[in-house]
Amino acid sequence: MPNYLPIGIFLAVVLATILYSASFWGCAPQTTVKKEISEERSKAIEDSLRKVKEFEIAKYWSLGYEYYKNKSYLDAKRYFLKLLKMDPQLKYAKKFHYRDIFARLATCYIQENKPDSTEWAYRTGLKFFPDNAYLHASLGYILRGKGQLDEAIKHYEKAVALRPEEKDYLTILADLYVRTERFDQAIQTYNKYLKLNPSDRKIQEILAGLYRSTGREEEEIQQKEAILAQHPDDLELMLELGKIYHNRNENEKAVAMLQRLLEKDPQNTEALEYLGKAYMDLEQYNKAIMTYKKIIQIEPQNARIFCNIASAYRMKKNFRIAKNFVRKALSIDPKFGLAFITMAQIYETSAEDCINKKNGKIGFDDKLVYEKAYFEYQKAAEDPQWCNLASKRMEALKALLPTPEDRFFHKGKKTPTSDCYKWMF
């Protein structure tokens, strides 16, 4: 018995060691396998969930877009909002091509007449896409409608910077500059637009008006000439330019422009009248008379033109003929203030001419002629249209009228008897 005990103990120890080893080495591989299976399964689950999410996102976008195309804006909005709830950071916007979701969502709100929600959509869109010109312009449009012009300008400036060849952005921005009295910026912006679309007459005329309102007359004329070059048969524009040149005392240019007009429309009495004025300023009185007489052939009852003819003869010192044309004007309108003023000017010019012939010495006859002019101005003052001018001239003539002393030394003399004034009688 004692001989077998150690062997039994030995075997027991060996068996225990084997069992322990088996237990130790056998369990380790099982744990690793389970761990590996858990990671793979977790990844598979994540992929599956992601695919489900992507599927849902794609579905919402597809459905929303279809409703949007079919103008079912309420349904479209519902799916767009679901999509944004699933992807609030727009991580999948590029993958599924819905970077313009806020623009489309804004359109849905516009159709529902919800301006505040529309503005929210544009502003939120710009947080994600700050370089989206359309969103800037659209938000600017909303702000413009609300009267927030300065902020609207900032967004349109950004839109133009991003898309400098977008014509609508340029015209709206220029208009905003005008409304905020930033005229130089408006002019620059309209010029940028015209480089892209040089034949847009409406904008050309707006630009010409801006030049005029800011006192940049040279540029206004250049702009109008550019319009005329594109529209060479525009008679109204020719007349406008003719008037501008005349008012600037550039009468040679006025004559050329008005003659160009009259070649196409010889019966245009307004052009003829301005042509006559230009000739008067150029001291080409015979041409002025001929031009005015063409108007009389068309409008024989035009009292103003008879006065203009009288003025031309006055400048030629043909005072008798000048007086006859004043009479013709008064036969048409006996209370016409301009006719009396024209007659007064004839008397004044005649007196000045006679005084000059006497080396500047004013005699009693001259004072009587100035008195005649004064009386004509008195008549003109009864016409409200000419009252102010007549009153000023009466005041200016007072110092040249006969004094009581003059009358004492020339008792009974009421009309001039000098040969210089024979034309009066």
Protein backbone atom coordinates (compact mmCIF):
# COMPACT_ATOMS: atom_id res chain seq x y z
CA MET A 1 0.00 0.00 0.00
CA PRO A 2 2.66 2.46 0.89
CA ASN A 3 4.30 1.69 -2.49
CA TYR A 4 1.29 2.88 -4.49
CA LEU A 5 0.43 6.02 -2.54
CA PRO A 6 3.14 8.25 -4.00
CA ILE A 7 2.21 7.13 -7.48
CA GLY A 8 -1.46 7.98 -6.83
CA ILE A 9 -0.48 11.35 -5.49
CA PHE A 10 1.74 11.94 -8.51
CA LEU A 11 -1.01 11.01 -10.91
CA ALA A 12 -3.45 13.18 -9.09
CA VAL A 13 -1.08 16.16 -9.32
CA VAL A 14 -0.49 15.54 -13.03
CA LEU A 15 -4.19 15.25 -13.68
CA ALA A 16 -4.87 18.40 -11.76
CA THR A 17 -2.15 20.22 -13.71
CA ILE A 18 -3.56 19.01 -17.02
CA LEU A 19 -7.06 20.04 -16.04
CA TYR A 20 -5.80 23.41 -14.89
CA SER A 21 -3.84 23.90 -18.08
CA ALA A 22 -6.77 22.82 -20.17
CA SER A 23 -8.96 25.17 -18.27
CA PHE A 24 -6.47 28.06 -18.71
CA TRP A 25 -5.52 27.48 -22.33
CA GLY A 26 -8.94 26.40 -23.48
CA CYS A 27 -10.92 29.47 -22.23
CA ALA A 28 -8.63 32.16 -23.69
CA PRO A 29 -9.44 31.48 -27.37
CA GLN A 30 -13.15 31.46 -26.58
CA THR A 31 -13.02 34.98 -25.08
CA THR A 32 -11.10 36.38 -28.10
CA VAL A 33 -13.58 34.96 -30.57
CA LYS A 34 -16.47 36.38 -28.66
CA LYS A 35 -14.74 39.82 -28.55
CA GLU A 36 -14.01 39.76 -32.28
CA ILE A 37 -17.57 38.82 -33.09
CA SER A 38 -18.85 41.67 -30.92
CA GLU A 39 -16.79 44.37 -32.78
CA GLU A 40 -17.78 43.09 -36.19
CA ARG A 41 -21.36 42.88 -35.15
CA SER A 42 -21.23 46.40 -33.71
CA LYS A 43 -19.77 47.75 -36.94
CA ALA A 44 -22.37 45.88 -38.94
CA ILE A 45 -25.10 47.36 -36.80
CA GLU A 46 -23.67 50.85 -37.22
CA ASP A 47 -23.44 50.40 -40.99
CA SER A 48 -26.95 49.11 -41.05
CA LEU A 49 -28.26 52.04 -39.04
CA ARG A 50 -26.33 54.49 -41.21
CA LYS A 51 -27.75 52.94 -44.36
CA VAL A 52 -31.22 53.13 -42.89
CA LYS A 53 -30.64 56.80 -42.06
CA GLU A 54 -29.24 57.49 -45.51
CA PHE A 55 -32.17 55.70 -47.04
CA GLU A 56 -34.59 57.81 -45.02
CA ILE A 57 -32.74 61.01 -45.89
CA ALA A 58 -32.67 60.14 -49.58
CA LYS A 59 -36.34 59.24 -49.41
CA TYR A 60 -37.30 62.52 -47.73
CA TRP A 61 -35.31 64.53 -50.23
CA SER A 62 -36.70 62.61 -53.18
CA LEU A 63 -40.28 62.92 -51.99
CA GLY A 64 -39.87 66.56 -51.03
CA TYR A 65 -38.28 67.39 -54.35
CA GLU A 66 -41.00 65.62 -56.32
CA TYR A 67 -43.69 67.49 -54.44
CA TYR A 68 -41.72 70.70 -54.98
CA LYS A 69 -41.48 70.12 -58.75
CA ASN A 70 -45.22 69.52 -58.83
CA LYS A 71 -45.82 72.70 -56.83
CA SER A 72 -47.24 70.85 -53.85
CA TYR A 73 -45.33 73.16 -51.57
CA LEU A 74 -47.00 72.19 -48.30
CA ASP A 75 -46.08 68.51 -48.75
CA ALA A 76 -42.63 69.45 -50.00
CA LYS A 77 -42.02 71.57 -46.93
CA ARG A 78 -43.06 68.70 -44.64
CA TYR A 79 -40.44 66.36 -46.11
CA PHE A 80 -37.75 69.04 -46.24
CA LEU A 81 -38.24 69.70 -42.53
CA LYS A 82 -38.11 65.95 -41.76
CA LEU A 83 -34.84 65.76 -43.65
CA LEU A 84 -33.38 68.67 -41.69
CA LYS A 85 -34.45 67.03 -38.46
CA MET A 86 -32.56 63.86 -39.43
CA ASP A 87 -29.53 65.76 -40.72
CA PRO A 88 -29.40 69.05 -38.80
CA GLN A 89 -25.75 69.62 -39.69
CA LEU A 90 -26.27 68.80 -43.38
CA LYS A 91 -23.57 66.12 -43.36
CA TYR A 92 -25.19 64.34 -46.28
CA ALA A 93 -26.14 67.44 -48.29
CA LYS A 94 -23.32 67.05 -50.77
CA LYS A 95 -23.76 63.29 -51.14
CA PHE A 96 -27.48 63.48 -51.85
CA HIS A 97 -27.40 66.84 -53.66
CA TYR A 98 -29.62 68.90 -51.40
CA ARG A 99 -27.32 71.84 -50.77
CA ASP A 100 -30.13 74.05 -52.11
CA ILE A 101 -32.68 72.76 -49.61
CA PHE A 102 -32.99 76.11 -47.83
CA ALA A 103 -33.67 77.95 -51.07
CA ARG A 104 -36.43 75.47 -51.89
CA LEU A 105 -37.77 75.56 -48.35
CA ALA A 106 -37.90 79.35 -48.56
CA THR A 107 -39.94 79.06 -51.75
CA CYS A 108 -42.41 76.87 -49.89
CA TYR A 109 -42.76 79.53 -47.20
CA ILE A 110 -43.20 82.21 -49.86
CA GLN A 111 -46.09 80.22 -51.32
CA GLU A 112 -47.63 80.10 -47.86
CA ASN A 113 -47.12 83.85 -47.46
CA LYS A 114 -44.87 83.43 -44.42
CA PRO A 115 -42.22 86.15 -44.78
CA ASP A 116 -40.65 85.55 -41.37
CA SER A 117 -40.19 81.84 -42.07
CA THR A 118 -38.83 82.69 -45.51
CA GLU A 119 -36.25 84.99 -43.96
CA TRP A 120 -35.34 82.28 -41.44
CA ALA A 121 -34.75 79.79 -44.26
CA TYR A 122 -32.42 82.16 -46.11
CA ARG A 123 -30.51 83.16 -42.98
CA THR A 124 -30.12 79.54 -41.86
CA GLY A 125 -28.99 78.54 -45.31
CA LEU A 126 -26.28 81.20 -45.22
CA LYS A 127 -24.93 79.76 -41.96
CA PHE A 128 -24.16 76.56 -43.83
CA PHE A 129 -23.41 78.07 -47.24
CA PRO A 130 -22.02 81.60 -46.71
CA ASP A 131 -20.78 81.75 -50.31
CA ASN A 132 -24.15 81.07 -51.90
CA ALA A 133 -24.93 84.11 -54.06
CA TYR A 134 -28.57 83.15 -54.51
CA LEU A 135 -29.19 83.02 -50.76
CA HIS A 136 -27.53 86.40 -50.27
CA ALA A 137 -29.56 87.99 -53.05
CA SER A 138 -32.79 86.39 -51.86
CA LEU A 139 -32.28 87.54 -48.29
CA GLY A 140 -31.37 90.98 -49.61
CA TYR A 141 -34.63 91.05 -51.54
CA ILE A 142 -36.60 90.25 -48.38
CA LEU A 143 -34.76 92.95 -46.43
CA ARG A 144 -35.31 95.47 -49.21
CA GLY A 145 -39.04 94.84 -48.96
CA LYS A 146 -38.87 95.45 -45.21
CA GLY A 147 -37.07 98.73 -45.71
CA GLN A 148 -33.82 97.47 -44.16
CA LEU A 149 -31.84 98.90 -47.04
CA ASP A 150 -28.37 99.03 -45.49
CA GLU A 151 -28.46 95.33 -44.59
CA ALA A 152 -29.98 94.51 -47.97
CA ILE A 153 -27.07 96.30 -49.64
CA LYS A 154 -24.54 94.18 -47.73
CA HIS A 155 -26.12 90.97 -48.99
CA TYR A 156 -26.42 92.20 -52.58
CA GLU A 157 -22.82 93.36 -52.49
CA LYS A 158 -21.83 89.84 -51.42
CA ALA A 159 -24.01 88.33 -54.15
CA VAL A 160 -22.40 90.56 -56.78
CA ALA A 161 -18.92 89.71 -55.50
CA LEU A 162 -19.74 86.01 -55.85
CA ARG A 163 -21.49 86.34 -59.21
CA PRO A 164 -20.30 89.59 -60.82
CA GLU A 165 -21.97 88.87 -64.15
CA GLU A 166 -25.46 88.37 -62.72
CA LYS A 167 -27.31 91.33 -64.26
CA ASP A 168 -30.30 91.33 -61.91
CA TYR A 169 -28.04 91.54 -58.88
CA LEU A 170 -26.29 94.56 -60.35
CA THR A 171 -29.45 96.49 -61.19
CA ILE A 172 -31.04 95.84 -57.80
CA LEU A 173 -27.86 96.82 -55.99
CA ALA A 174 -27.60 100.01 -58.05
CA ASP A 175 -31.22 100.85 -57.25
CA LEU A 176 -30.51 100.34 -53.53
CA TYR A 177 -27.57 102.70 -53.79
CA VAL A 178 -29.84 105.31 -55.37
CA ARG A 179 -32.46 104.87 -52.65
CA THR A 180 -29.81 105.41 -49.99
CA GLU A 181 -28.33 108.37 -51.91
CA ARG A 182 -25.04 106.64 -52.63
CA PHE A 183 -25.04 108.04 -56.12
CA ASP A 184 -21.39 107.48 -57.01
CA GLN A 185 -21.70 103.79 -56.14
CA ALA A 186 -24.95 103.59 -58.09
CA ILE A 187 -23.28 105.09 -61.16
CA GLN A 188 -20.36 102.67 -60.91
CA THR A 189 -22.73 99.71 -60.57
CA TYR A 190 -24.91 100.74 -63.50
CA ASN A 191 -21.78 101.14 -65.62
CA LYS A 192 -20.71 97.60 -64.69
CA TYR A 193 -24.13 96.39 -65.80
CA LEU A 194 -23.90 98.25 -69.12
CA LYS A 195 -20.58 96.60 -69.87
CA LEU A 196 -22.47 93.31 -69.73
CA ASN A 197 -25.57 94.60 -71.50
CA PRO A 198 -24.67 97.78 -73.42
CA SER A 199 -27.95 97.95 -75.34
CA ASP A 200 -30.26 98.18 -72.31
CA ARG A 201 -31.85 101.55 -73.00
CA LYS A 202 -33.79 101.72 -69.74
CA ILE A 203 -30.60 101.49 -67.69
CA GLN A 204 -28.82 103.90 -70.04
CA GLU A 205 -31.54 106.47 -69.40
CA ILE A 206 -31.45 105.88 -65.64
CA LEU A 207 -27.69 106.42 -65.72
CA ALA A 208 -28.08 109.61 -67.77
CA GLY A 209 -30.61 110.85 -65.21
CA LEU A 210 -28.16 110.13 -62.39
CA TYR A 211 -25.47 112.10 -64.15
CA ARG A 212 -27.89 115.01 -64.52
CA SER A 213 -29.08 114.92 -60.90
CA THR A 214 -25.50 114.87 -59.63
CA GLY A 215 -24.42 117.77 -61.83
CA ARG A 216 -22.26 115.66 -64.14
CA GLU A 217 -23.65 117.19 -67.31
CA GLU A 218 -20.75 116.23 -69.56
CA GLU A 219 -21.25 112.57 -68.72
CA GLU A 220 -25.00 112.94 -69.12
CA ILE A 221 -24.47 114.22 -72.65
CA GLN A 222 -22.01 111.42 -73.45
CA GLN A 223 -24.56 108.88 -72.22
CA LYS A 224 -27.35 110.40 -74.30
CA GLU A 225 -25.10 110.53 -77.36
CA ALA A 226 -24.33 106.85 -76.80
CA ILE A 227 -28.05 106.09 -76.72
CA LEU A 228 -28.58 108.08 -79.91
CA ALA A 229 -25.78 106.15 -81.61
CA GLN A 230 -27.75 102.97 -80.91
CA HIS A 231 -31.10 104.59 -81.82
CA PRO A 232 -30.25 107.03 -84.65
CA ASP A 233 -33.90 107.68 -85.53
CA ASP A 234 -34.94 108.80 -82.04
CA LEU A 235 -36.27 112.29 -82.77
CA GLU A 236 -37.23 112.96 -79.16
CA LEU A 237 -33.68 112.30 -78.02
CA MET A 238 -32.31 114.55 -80.76
CA LEU A 239 -34.57 117.34 -79.53
CA GLU A 240 -33.50 116.76 -75.95
CA LEU A 241 -29.83 116.95 -76.90
CA GLY A 242 -30.46 120.03 -79.02
CA LYS A 243 -32.03 121.75 -76.01
CA ILE A 244 -29.16 120.72 -73.74
CA TYR A 245 -26.57 122.07 -76.16
CA HIS A 246 -28.51 125.33 -76.51
CA ASN A 247 -28.85 125.75 -72.74
CA ARG A 248 -25.10 125.15 -72.39
CA ASN A 249 -24.48 127.84 -75.00
CA GLU A 250 -22.96 125.22 -77.31
CA ASN A 251 -25.07 126.55 -80.12
CA GLU A 252 -23.07 125.12 -83.02
CA LYS A 253 -23.76 121.65 -81.63
CA ALA A 254 -27.36 122.61 -81.00
CA VAL A 255 -27.77 123.72 -84.61
CA ALA A 256 -26.22 120.51 -85.95
CA MET A 257 -28.42 118.30 -83.77
CA LEU A 258 -31.63 120.20 -84.50
CA GLN A 259 -30.96 120.28 -88.24
CA ARG A 260 -30.42 116.52 -88.11
CA LEU A 261 -33.83 116.19 -86.49
CA LEU A 262 -35.52 118.53 -88.96
CA GLU A 263 -34.19 116.52 -91.90
CA LYS A 264 -36.38 113.70 -90.64
CA ASP A 265 -39.25 115.83 -89.33
CA PRO A 266 -39.34 119.28 -91.00
CA GLN A 267 -42.68 120.14 -89.37
CA ASN A 268 -41.35 119.83 -85.82
CA THR A 269 -42.12 123.32 -84.51
CA GLU A 270 -40.38 122.81 -81.16
CA ALA A 271 -37.16 121.89 -82.93
CA LEU A 272 -37.58 124.89 -85.24
CA GLU A 273 -38.06 127.21 -82.28
CA TYR A 274 -34.91 125.98 -80.54
CA LEU A 275 -33.02 126.22 -83.80
CA GLY A 276 -34.16 129.83 -84.07
CA LYS A 277 -32.96 130.49 -80.51
CA ALA A 278 -29.58 128.94 -81.31
CA TYR A 279 -29.23 131.18 -84.36
CA MET A 280 -30.14 134.18 -82.21
CA ASP A 281 -27.41 133.33 -79.71
CA LEU A 282 -24.97 132.94 -82.60
CA GLU A 283 -26.08 136.40 -83.81
CA GLN A 284 -27.21 134.85 -87.09
CA TYR A 285 -30.40 136.88 -87.07
CA ASN A 286 -31.43 136.34 -90.69
CA LYS A 287 -31.31 132.57 -90.21
CA ALA A 288 -33.28 132.95 -87.00
CA ILE A 289 -35.97 134.97 -88.80
CA MET A 290 -36.20 132.43 -91.62
CA THR A 291 -36.51 129.61 -89.10
CA TYR A 292 -39.22 131.36 -87.08
CA LYS A 293 -41.18 132.14 -90.23
CA LYS A 294 -41.28 128.41 -90.99
CA ILE A 295 -43.13 127.98 -87.71
CA ILE A 296 -45.60 130.72 -88.64
CA GLN A 297 -46.36 128.81 -91.84
CA ILE A 298 -47.32 125.84 -89.70
CA GLU A 299 -48.84 127.77 -86.77
CA PRO A 300 -50.05 131.15 -88.07
CA GLN A 301 -51.63 132.06 -84.71
CA ASN A 302 -48.49 131.54 -82.63
CA ALA A 303 -48.11 134.92 -80.89
CA ARG A 304 -44.90 133.90 -79.13
CA ILE A 305 -43.13 133.26 -82.44
CA PHE A 306 -44.19 136.66 -83.76
CA CYS A 307 -42.49 138.12 -80.67
CA ASN A 308 -39.36 136.07 -81.42
CA ILE A 309 -39.28 137.42 -84.96
CA ALA A 310 -39.67 140.94 -83.58
CA SER A 311 -36.70 140.34 -81.26
CA ALA A 312 -34.56 139.20 -84.19
CA TYR A 313 -35.40 142.36 -86.14
CA ARG A 314 -34.69 144.41 -83.00
CA MET A 315 -31.19 142.94 -82.85
CA LYS A 316 -30.78 143.91 -86.51
CA LYS A 317 -31.93 147.44 -85.48
CA ASN A 318 -34.87 147.21 -87.85
CA PHE A 319 -37.10 148.72 -85.18
CA ARG A 320 -40.04 149.58 -87.42
CA ILE A 321 -40.33 146.00 -88.74
CA ALA A 322 -39.86 144.68 -85.22
CA LYS A 323 -42.76 146.84 -84.02
CA ASN A 324 -44.99 145.51 -86.81
CA PHE A 325 -44.42 141.93 -85.67
CA VAL A 326 -45.30 142.88 -82.09
CA ARG A 327 -48.57 144.27 -83.41
CA LYS A 328 -49.23 140.95 -85.14
CA ALA A 329 -48.69 139.17 -81.83
CA LEU A 330 -51.10 141.54 -80.05
CA SER A 331 -53.69 141.06 -82.77
CA ILE A 332 -53.71 137.39 -81.80
CA ASP A 333 -53.62 137.98 -78.02
CA PRO A 334 -54.20 141.61 -76.95
CA LYS A 335 -53.16 140.87 -73.34
CA PHE A 336 -50.06 138.84 -74.11
CA GLY A 337 -47.40 139.97 -71.64
CA LEU A 338 -44.48 138.85 -73.80
CA ALA A 339 -45.63 141.12 -76.62
CA PHE A 340 -45.52 144.17 -74.33
CA ILE A 341 -42.11 143.14 -73.00
CA THR A 342 -40.83 142.71 -76.56
CA MET A 343 -42.08 146.19 -77.45
CA ALA A 344 -40.44 147.63 -74.35
CA GLN A 345 -37.16 145.99 -75.33
CA ILE A 346 -37.45 147.53 -78.80
CA TYR A 347 -37.76 150.97 -77.21
CA GLU A 348 -34.85 150.31 -74.88
CA THR A 349 -32.56 149.06 -77.65
CA SER A 350 -33.47 152.00 -79.83
CA ALA A 351 -32.70 154.45 -77.01
CA GLU A 352 -29.35 152.79 -76.32
CA ASP A 353 -28.48 152.97 -80.02
CA CYS A 354 -29.35 156.65 -80.24
CA ILE A 355 -27.44 157.49 -77.05
CA ASN A 356 -24.36 155.69 -78.36
CA LYS A 357 -24.50 157.81 -81.49
CA LYS A 358 -24.24 160.87 -79.22
CA ASN A 359 -21.25 159.52 -77.34
CA GLY A 360 -23.36 158.43 -74.40
CA LYS A 361 -25.16 161.68 -73.73
CA ILE A 362 -28.78 161.15 -72.61
CA GLY A 363 -31.24 163.78 -73.81
CA PHE A 364 -34.90 164.44 -73.11
CA ASP A 365 -35.97 162.52 -76.23
CA ASP A 366 -34.11 159.47 -74.97
CA LYS A 367 -35.84 159.72 -71.61
CA LEU A 368 -39.21 159.90 -73.36
CA VAL A 369 -38.37 156.68 -75.20
CA TYR A 370 -37.40 155.00 -71.94
CA GLU A 371 -40.73 156.20 -70.57
CA LYS A 372 -42.48 154.46 -73.46
CA ALA A 373 -40.63 151.28 -72.53
CA TYR A 374 -41.71 151.76 -68.90
CA PHE A 375 -45.37 152.03 -69.93
CA GLU A 376 -45.06 148.83 -71.99
CA TYR A 377 -43.67 147.03 -68.95
CA GLN A 378 -46.63 148.31 -66.94
CA LYS A 379 -48.96 146.61 -69.42
CA ALA A 380 -46.90 143.42 -69.28
CA ALA A 381 -47.13 143.39 -65.47
CA GLU A 382 -50.85 142.70 -65.78
CA ASP A 383 -50.03 139.27 -67.23
CA PRO A 384 -49.23 136.97 -64.26
CA GLN A 385 -46.78 134.97 -66.35
CA TRP A 386 -44.63 138.02 -67.07
CA CYS A 387 -45.33 140.14 -63.99
CA ASN A 388 -42.02 139.52 -62.20
CA LEU A 389 -39.81 140.29 -65.18
CA ALA A 390 -41.83 143.39 -66.03
CA SER A 391 -41.63 144.69 -62.45
CA LYS A 392 -37.85 144.26 -62.35
CA ARG A 393 -37.40 146.12 -65.61
CA MET A 394 -39.66 148.96 -64.45
CA GLU A 395 -37.54 149.35 -61.35
CA ALA A 396 -34.37 149.39 -63.46
CA LEU A 397 -35.74 152.13 -65.74
CA LYS A 398 -36.85 154.57 -63.04
CA ALA A 399 -33.52 156.39 -63.02
CA LEU A 400 -33.79 157.01 -66.77
CA LEU A 401 -37.29 158.51 -66.79
CA PRO A 402 -37.94 162.25 -67.25
CA THR A 403 -37.74 164.22 -63.99
CA PRO A 404 -40.07 167.12 -63.07
CA GLU A 405 -37.21 169.44 -63.92
CA ASP A 406 -36.90 167.83 -67.37
CA ARG A 407 -40.57 168.40 -67.99
CA PHE A 408 -40.36 172.02 -66.83
CA PHE A 409 -37.71 172.79 -69.41
CA HIS A 410 -39.56 170.85 -72.13
CA LYS A 411 -43.12 171.95 -71.48
CA GLY A 412 -45.69 170.29 -73.68
CA LYS A 413 -43.28 167.84 -75.30
CA LYS A 414 -44.57 164.28 -74.98
CA THR A 415 -42.98 162.48 -77.93
CA PRO A 416 -39.38 162.34 -79.19
CA THR A 417 -38.63 164.45 -82.24
CA SER A 418 -35.06 163.35 -82.94
CA ASP A 419 -34.39 161.84 -86.37
CA CYS A 420 -33.07 158.79 -84.55
CA TYR A 421 -36.62 157.96 -83.48
CA LYS A 422 -38.43 158.49 -86.77
CA TRP A 423 -39.14 154.77 -87.01
CA MET A 424 -41.79 155.16 -84.30
CA PHE A 425 -44.11 157.27 -86.43
